[in-house]
């Protein structure tokens, strides 16, 4: 990959660090930091979560470089159906969160949040179903259950006519066990793999072991659009493209990925721009009538300056780019 990388000095000279405030806590955070890269093709984003080591974070950097230095693929569609994302809020806040979305025809609901009970999950899903009786509901546990907990929870939650359950347990073997136990119990609920794909050294193992019915894939964690298209082609599973809590720059790359897939049977998780109280562009990438436009997003320099964090955090991100870059050079 070293032959495809632009010079490190060039990357750093055209990098901008931002911190975006969020409307609600999501993934345990209320502010999201990212580094944006301006390149010859437009803007790219590098926003690997702060706990990720260089080996994992370097794939996110590769995706950001790809977006800034390579044209997006030819689109097969000009807009992407998207789901609303409901964080693990109390049931009495469900309506307030979901009304921020434009026409939520599909709702992804976070469950198995640390410190909460299954009753909280049931109440949240039940309220979403009550408020939006025609919507497609899906739940995402982010590996929060063990196998037995997942089976019991999903048996109960299936009464709400779920579209699928995303990553209920850690690992690929665990997914396969949950899927088999539910089938044996007569519960025909699709299982989606997320972390089992993007955190695994071999993302195709999910397909080979029959551990899931579909794959939730993200452009940044897997190294960019072309890397994901290759995985999707080989896996031969339905694909849902999702956000890694990106700014509008990252969402534009993810939408371009979704637009390039041969088939897109499910709404994608690309409406997370609604979770932010501010964004890097005066024209943020937000859904209209439940669909997201496929287009490039230009970051605004004035906004980048206003959203820049303290110098210590800027230096931290620039050093992280250097670490991940050296990792990409070696591989």
Protein backbone atom coordinates (compact mmCIF):
# COMPACT_ATOMS: atom_id res chain seq x y z
CA UNK A 1 0.00 0.00 0.00
CA UNK A 2 2.96 2.33 0.46
CA UNK A 3 3.02 3.13 -3.28
CA UNK A 4 -0.54 4.48 -3.07
CA UNK A 5 0.03 6.76 -0.09
CA UNK A 6 0.53 10.50 -0.51
CA UNK A 7 3.47 12.00 1.40
CA UNK A 8 2.89 12.25 5.15
CA UNK A 9 3.86 15.94 5.20
CA UNK A 10 1.22 16.62 2.57
CA UNK A 11 -1.45 14.82 4.60
CA UNK A 12 -0.61 16.73 7.76
CA UNK A 13 -0.48 20.06 5.96
CA UNK A 14 -4.03 19.50 4.72
CA UNK A 15 -5.52 18.04 7.92
CA UNK A 16 -8.02 19.70 10.25
CA UNK A 17 -9.14 18.42 13.66
CA UNK A 18 -12.70 19.09 14.84
CA UNK A 19 -14.84 18.32 17.86
CA UNK A 20 -18.59 18.11 17.24
CA UNK A 21 -21.18 18.43 20.03
CA UNK A 22 -23.88 15.75 20.08
CA UNK A 23 -27.56 16.15 20.88
CA UNK A 24 -27.69 12.94 22.94
CA UNK A 25 -25.13 10.58 24.39
CA UNK A 26 -24.23 7.92 21.85
CA UNK A 27 -21.69 5.14 22.30
CA UNK A 28 -20.95 6.68 25.69
CA UNK A 29 -19.84 10.06 24.30
CA UNK A 30 -21.35 13.53 24.02
CA UNK A 31 -18.65 15.00 21.75
CA UNK A 32 -17.15 13.46 18.62
CA UNK A 33 -13.65 14.22 17.43
CA UNK A 34 -12.46 13.70 13.86
CA UNK A 35 -9.60 14.65 11.57
CA UNK A 36 -10.52 15.78 8.07
CA UNK A 37 -8.19 15.60 5.07
CA UNK A 38 -8.44 17.88 2.04
CA UNK A 39 -7.18 16.17 -1.09
CA UNK A 40 -7.30 16.53 -4.87
CA UNK A 41 -10.67 14.73 -5.12
CA UNK A 42 -12.31 16.39 -2.12
CA UNK A 43 -12.52 15.78 1.60
CA UNK A 44 -11.82 12.57 3.54
CA UNK A 45 -12.37 11.71 7.17
CA UNK A 46 -10.23 9.89 9.74
CA UNK A 47 -12.21 9.40 12.95
CA UNK A 48 -11.23 6.05 14.44
CA UNK A 49 -12.48 5.92 18.00
CA UNK A 50 -9.83 7.03 20.44
CA UNK A 51 -9.33 3.63 22.09
CA UNK A 52 -8.34 1.92 18.83
CA UNK A 53 -4.66 1.01 18.43
CA UNK A 54 -2.78 1.83 15.18
CA UNK A 55 -3.33 -1.62 13.63
CA UNK A 56 -7.10 -1.10 13.69
CA UNK A 57 -7.16 2.69 13.34
CA UNK A 58 -4.92 2.59 10.26
CA UNK A 59 -7.78 1.15 8.20
CA UNK A 60 -9.80 4.27 9.05
CA UNK A 61 -6.90 6.43 7.87
CA UNK A 62 -6.70 4.44 4.63
CA UNK A 63 -10.40 5.16 4.06
CA UNK A 64 -9.90 8.87 4.67
CA UNK A 65 -7.01 8.99 2.23
CA UNK A 66 -9.04 7.09 -0.37
CA UNK A 67 -11.90 9.59 -0.12
CA UNK A 68 -9.59 12.60 -0.42
CA UNK A 69 -7.40 11.23 -3.22
CA UNK A 70 -9.65 8.89 -5.25
CA UNK A 71 -12.93 9.60 -7.08
CA UNK A 72 -16.03 7.95 -5.73
CA UNK A 73 -17.23 4.97 -7.82
CA UNK A 74 -19.93 5.37 -10.43
CA UNK A 75 -23.25 5.36 -8.51
CA UNK A 76 -25.98 2.82 -9.23
CA UNK A 77 -28.50 4.98 -7.32
CA UNK A 78 -28.68 8.68 -6.46
CA UNK A 79 -30.25 8.41 -3.00
CA UNK A 80 -30.04 5.90 -0.15
CA UNK A 81 -32.91 4.80 2.12
CA UNK A 82 -31.78 5.35 5.71
CA UNK A 83 -32.88 4.30 9.17
CA UNK A 84 -33.36 6.50 12.19
CA UNK A 85 -31.06 5.63 15.08
CA UNK A 86 -32.52 5.48 18.58
CA UNK A 87 -29.88 5.52 21.34
CA UNK A 88 -30.49 3.74 24.65
CA UNK A 89 -32.68 6.52 26.02
CA UNK A 90 -35.54 6.05 28.50
CA UNK A 91 -38.88 5.19 26.94
CA UNK A 92 -40.27 8.64 27.72
CA UNK A 93 -37.59 10.21 25.49
CA UNK A 94 -38.13 7.98 22.45
CA UNK A 95 -40.57 10.35 20.78
CA UNK A 96 -38.34 13.38 21.33
CA UNK A 97 -35.35 11.66 19.70
CA UNK A 98 -37.23 10.18 16.77
CA UNK A 99 -39.08 13.37 15.88
CA UNK A 100 -35.67 14.83 14.90
CA UNK A 101 -35.64 12.43 11.96
CA UNK A 102 -37.40 13.12 8.69
CA UNK A 103 -39.88 10.31 7.97
CA UNK A 104 -38.44 7.39 9.98
CA UNK A 105 -39.61 4.42 7.92
CA UNK A 106 -36.92 2.24 9.55
CA UNK A 107 -35.66 2.55 13.15
CA UNK A 108 -32.50 1.03 14.59
CA UNK A 109 -32.80 0.74 18.37
CA UNK A 110 -29.87 0.38 20.72
CA UNK A 111 -30.31 -2.31 23.40
CA UNK A 112 -28.14 -4.08 26.00
CA UNK A 113 -26.67 -0.79 27.20
CA UNK A 114 -24.34 -1.19 30.17
CA UNK A 115 -26.08 -0.19 33.40
CA UNK A 116 -29.57 -0.76 32.00
CA UNK A 117 -31.96 -3.69 32.33
CA UNK A 118 -33.79 -5.74 29.75
CA UNK A 119 -37.00 -4.09 30.94
CA UNK A 120 -35.51 -0.80 29.71
CA UNK A 121 -34.92 -2.39 26.33
CA UNK A 122 -38.43 -3.76 26.11
CA UNK A 123 -39.95 -0.42 27.08
CA UNK A 124 -37.84 1.44 24.48
CA UNK A 125 -38.72 -0.95 21.65
CA UNK A 126 -42.38 -1.05 22.66
CA UNK A 127 -42.59 2.75 22.62
CA UNK A 128 -40.95 2.94 19.21
CA UNK A 129 -43.46 0.41 17.87
CA UNK A 130 -46.35 2.31 19.44
CA UNK A 131 -45.29 5.63 17.94
CA UNK A 132 -44.37 4.21 14.52
CA UNK A 133 -46.56 1.15 13.96
CA UNK A 134 -45.66 0.84 10.26
CA UNK A 135 -41.90 1.29 10.64
CA UNK A 136 -39.38 -1.51 10.22
CA UNK A 137 -37.64 -2.00 13.60
CA UNK A 138 -34.19 -3.46 14.12
CA UNK A 139 -32.19 -3.77 17.35
CA UNK A 140 -28.45 -3.43 17.91
CA UNK A 141 -26.89 -4.90 21.07
CA UNK A 142 -23.27 -4.04 20.22
CA UNK A 143 -22.16 -7.43 21.67
CA UNK A 144 -23.84 -6.60 24.98
CA UNK A 145 -25.30 -10.04 25.75
CA UNK A 146 -23.95 -13.55 26.17
CA UNK A 147 -25.52 -16.32 24.11
CA UNK A 148 -28.21 -17.34 26.60
CA UNK A 149 -29.14 -13.72 27.37
CA UNK A 150 -29.37 -12.95 23.65
CA UNK A 151 -31.61 -15.89 22.89
CA UNK A 152 -34.04 -15.06 25.69
CA UNK A 153 -34.02 -11.33 24.92
CA UNK A 154 -34.57 -11.82 21.19
CA UNK A 155 -37.37 -14.32 21.78
CA UNK A 156 -39.17 -11.61 23.76
CA UNK A 157 -38.31 -8.73 21.45
CA UNK A 158 -39.40 -10.67 18.36
CA UNK A 159 -43.02 -9.95 19.33
CA UNK A 160 -42.41 -6.45 17.92
CA UNK A 161 -41.83 -7.88 14.43
CA UNK A 162 -38.13 -7.03 14.17
CA UNK A 163 -36.43 -6.79 10.81
CA UNK A 164 -33.18 -8.14 12.26
CA UNK A 165 -30.95 -8.16 15.36
CA UNK A 166 -27.47 -6.73 14.98
CA UNK A 167 -24.45 -8.25 16.74
CA UNK A 168 -26.26 -9.53 19.86
CA UNK A 169 -23.12 -11.26 21.19
CA UNK A 170 -19.35 -11.01 20.68
CA UNK A 171 -17.57 -12.99 18.03
CA UNK A 172 -18.52 -15.14 15.09
CA UNK A 173 -19.03 -18.40 16.99
CA UNK A 174 -21.42 -16.68 19.38
CA UNK A 175 -23.45 -15.29 16.49
CA UNK A 176 -23.73 -18.73 14.94
CA UNK A 177 -24.93 -20.20 18.26
CA UNK A 178 -27.57 -17.51 18.75
CA UNK A 179 -28.81 -17.93 15.19
CA UNK A 180 -29.08 -21.71 15.59
CA UNK A 181 -30.79 -21.57 19.00
CA UNK A 182 -33.37 -19.09 17.74
CA UNK A 183 -34.11 -21.25 14.70
CA UNK A 184 -34.51 -24.31 16.95
CA UNK A 185 -36.93 -22.31 19.10
CA UNK A 186 -39.00 -21.42 16.05
CA UNK A 187 -37.93 -17.76 16.01
CA UNK A 188 -37.21 -16.78 12.41
CA UNK A 189 -35.25 -13.59 13.15
CA UNK A 190 -32.42 -12.46 10.90
CA UNK A 191 -29.04 -12.01 12.58
CA UNK A 192 -26.72 -9.27 11.34
CA UNK A 193 -22.96 -9.20 11.86
CA UNK A 194 -21.26 -5.87 12.55
CA UNK A 195 -18.26 -6.04 14.91
CA UNK A 196 -17.72 -9.66 13.84
CA UNK A 197 -16.94 -8.30 10.38
CA UNK A 198 -15.11 -5.04 10.97
CA UNK A 199 -13.05 -6.18 13.98
CA UNK A 200 -12.07 -9.57 12.59
CA UNK A 201 -8.85 -10.29 10.74
CA UNK A 202 -10.92 -12.22 8.19
CA UNK A 203 -14.31 -10.52 7.71
CA UNK A 204 -15.40 -13.26 5.31
CA UNK A 205 -15.44 -15.91 8.04
CA UNK A 206 -18.94 -14.76 9.03
CA UNK A 207 -20.17 -15.91 5.65
CA UNK A 208 -18.21 -19.14 5.56
CA UNK A 209 -19.51 -20.27 8.97
CA UNK A 210 -23.12 -19.27 8.31
CA UNK A 211 -23.06 -17.07 11.40
CA UNK A 212 -25.32 -14.32 10.04
CA UNK A 213 -27.97 -13.53 7.48
CA UNK A 214 -26.52 -10.17 6.54
CA UNK A 215 -23.50 -7.95 7.12
CA UNK A 216 -23.47 -4.42 8.51
CA UNK A 217 -20.44 -2.75 7.01
CA UNK A 218 -18.82 0.63 7.46
CA UNK A 219 -16.48 2.32 5.01
CA UNK A 220 -13.94 3.68 7.49
CA UNK A 221 -13.32 0.63 9.72
CA UNK A 222 -12.81 -1.66 6.71
CA UNK A 223 -10.40 0.59 4.84
CA UNK A 224 -12.58 2.43 2.35
CA UNK A 225 -15.07 1.91 -0.44
CA UNK A 226 -13.09 -0.47 -2.64
CA UNK A 227 -12.15 -2.72 0.28
CA UNK A 228 -15.79 -3.02 1.30
CA UNK A 229 -17.00 -3.69 -2.25
CA UNK A 230 -14.49 -6.54 -2.48
CA UNK A 231 -15.68 -8.02 0.83
CA UNK A 232 -19.35 -7.72 -0.11
CA UNK A 233 -18.78 -9.43 -3.45
CA UNK A 234 -17.00 -12.37 -1.87
CA UNK A 235 -19.31 -12.76 1.13
CA UNK A 236 -22.48 -13.19 -0.96
CA UNK A 237 -24.62 -11.88 1.90
CA UNK A 238 -27.07 -8.98 1.99
CA UNK A 239 -25.31 -5.79 3.05
CA UNK A 240 -26.37 -2.81 5.15
CA UNK A 241 -24.05 0.19 5.02
CA UNK A 242 -23.78 2.02 8.32
CA UNK A 243 -22.09 5.06 9.80
CA UNK A 244 -19.22 5.01 12.27
CA UNK A 245 -20.65 8.19 13.83
CA UNK A 246 -19.11 10.19 11.00
CA UNK A 247 -19.31 13.85 10.19
CA UNK A 248 -21.01 14.73 6.92
CA UNK A 249 -17.68 14.17 5.16
CA UNK A 250 -17.55 10.55 6.30
CA UNK A 251 -21.25 10.09 5.61
CA UNK A 252 -20.67 11.19 2.02
CA UNK A 253 -18.12 8.40 1.58
CA UNK A 254 -20.50 5.88 3.15
CA UNK A 255 -23.34 6.99 0.90
CA UNK A 256 -21.07 6.63 -2.12
CA UNK A 257 -20.33 3.08 -0.98
CA UNK A 258 -24.04 2.27 -0.63
CA UNK A 259 -24.69 3.77 -4.06
CA UNK A 260 -22.11 1.46 -5.65
CA UNK A 261 -23.43 -1.85 -4.29
CA UNK A 262 -25.23 -4.06 -6.81
CA UNK A 263 -28.14 -4.64 -4.42
CA UNK A 264 -29.37 -2.67 -1.42
CA UNK A 265 -32.33 -4.54 0.09
CA UNK A 266 -32.34 -2.78 3.48
CA UNK A 267 -32.28 0.83 4.63
CA UNK A 268 -28.81 1.95 5.67
CA UNK A 269 -27.61 3.41 8.94
CA UNK A 270 -26.54 6.73 7.43
CA UNK A 271 -28.85 9.23 9.11
CA UNK A 272 -26.61 9.75 12.13
CA UNK A 273 -25.94 13.37 11.15
CA UNK A 274 -29.12 14.09 13.10
CA UNK A 275 -27.31 13.12 16.32
CA UNK A 276 -24.95 16.11 15.99
CA UNK A 277 -25.73 19.62 17.18
CA UNK A 278 -23.29 21.02 14.61
CA UNK A 279 -21.37 19.79 11.57
CA UNK A 280 -18.35 20.65 9.44
CA UNK A 281 -20.35 21.91 6.47
CA UNK A 282 -22.97 24.61 5.97
CA UNK A 283 -24.79 21.96 3.91
CA UNK A 284 -24.65 18.89 6.19
CA UNK A 285 -25.66 15.52 4.78
CA UNK A 286 -29.10 14.94 6.29
CA UNK A 287 -31.94 12.73 5.12
CA UNK A 288 -35.01 14.06 3.36
CA UNK A 289 -38.18 11.95 3.52
CA UNK A 290 -36.09 9.02 4.78
CA UNK A 291 -33.51 9.15 1.97
CA UNK A 292 -29.95 10.46 1.87
CA UNK A 293 -28.56 12.09 -1.26
CA UNK A 294 -25.37 10.72 -2.79
CA UNK A 295 -22.99 13.67 -3.10
CA UNK A 296 -19.64 15.01 -2.04
CA UNK A 297 -19.56 17.28 1.03
CA UNK A 298 -17.20 20.23 1.25
CA UNK A 299 -16.06 21.18 4.72
CA UNK A 300 -16.23 24.89 5.53
CA UNK A 301 -12.96 26.41 6.73
CA UNK A 302 -14.70 28.84 9.06
CA UNK A 303 -16.58 25.99 10.69
CA UNK A 304 -13.41 23.92 10.95
CA UNK A 305 -11.70 26.76 12.80
CA UNK A 306 -14.64 27.24 15.17
CA UNK A 307 -14.98 23.53 15.89
CA UNK A 308 -11.26 22.94 16.44
CA UNK A 309 -10.48 21.60 19.95
CA UNK A 310 -7.63 22.67 22.19
CA UNK A 311 -4.10 22.34 20.79
CA UNK A 312 -3.36 19.26 22.91
CA UNK A 313 -6.10 17.32 21.10
CA UNK A 314 -4.99 18.63 17.71
CA UNK A 315 -1.46 17.41 18.43
CA UNK A 316 -2.82 14.05 19.60
CA UNK A 317 -4.66 13.50 16.32
CA UNK A 318 -1.72 14.58 14.18
CA UNK A 319 0.54 12.16 16.07
CA UNK A 320 -2.07 9.46 15.52
CA UNK A 321 -1.99 10.09 11.78
CA UNK A 322 1.80 9.63 11.88
CA UNK A 323 1.49 6.33 13.79
CA UNK A 324 -1.21 4.94 11.48
CA UNK A 325 0.60 6.14 8.38
CA UNK A 326 3.75 4.26 9.39
CA UNK A 327 1.63 1.17 9.95
CA UNK A 328 0.17 1.50 6.43
CA UNK A 329 3.65 1.89 4.98
CA UNK A 330 4.76 -1.36 6.64
CA UNK A 331 1.78 -3.38 5.43
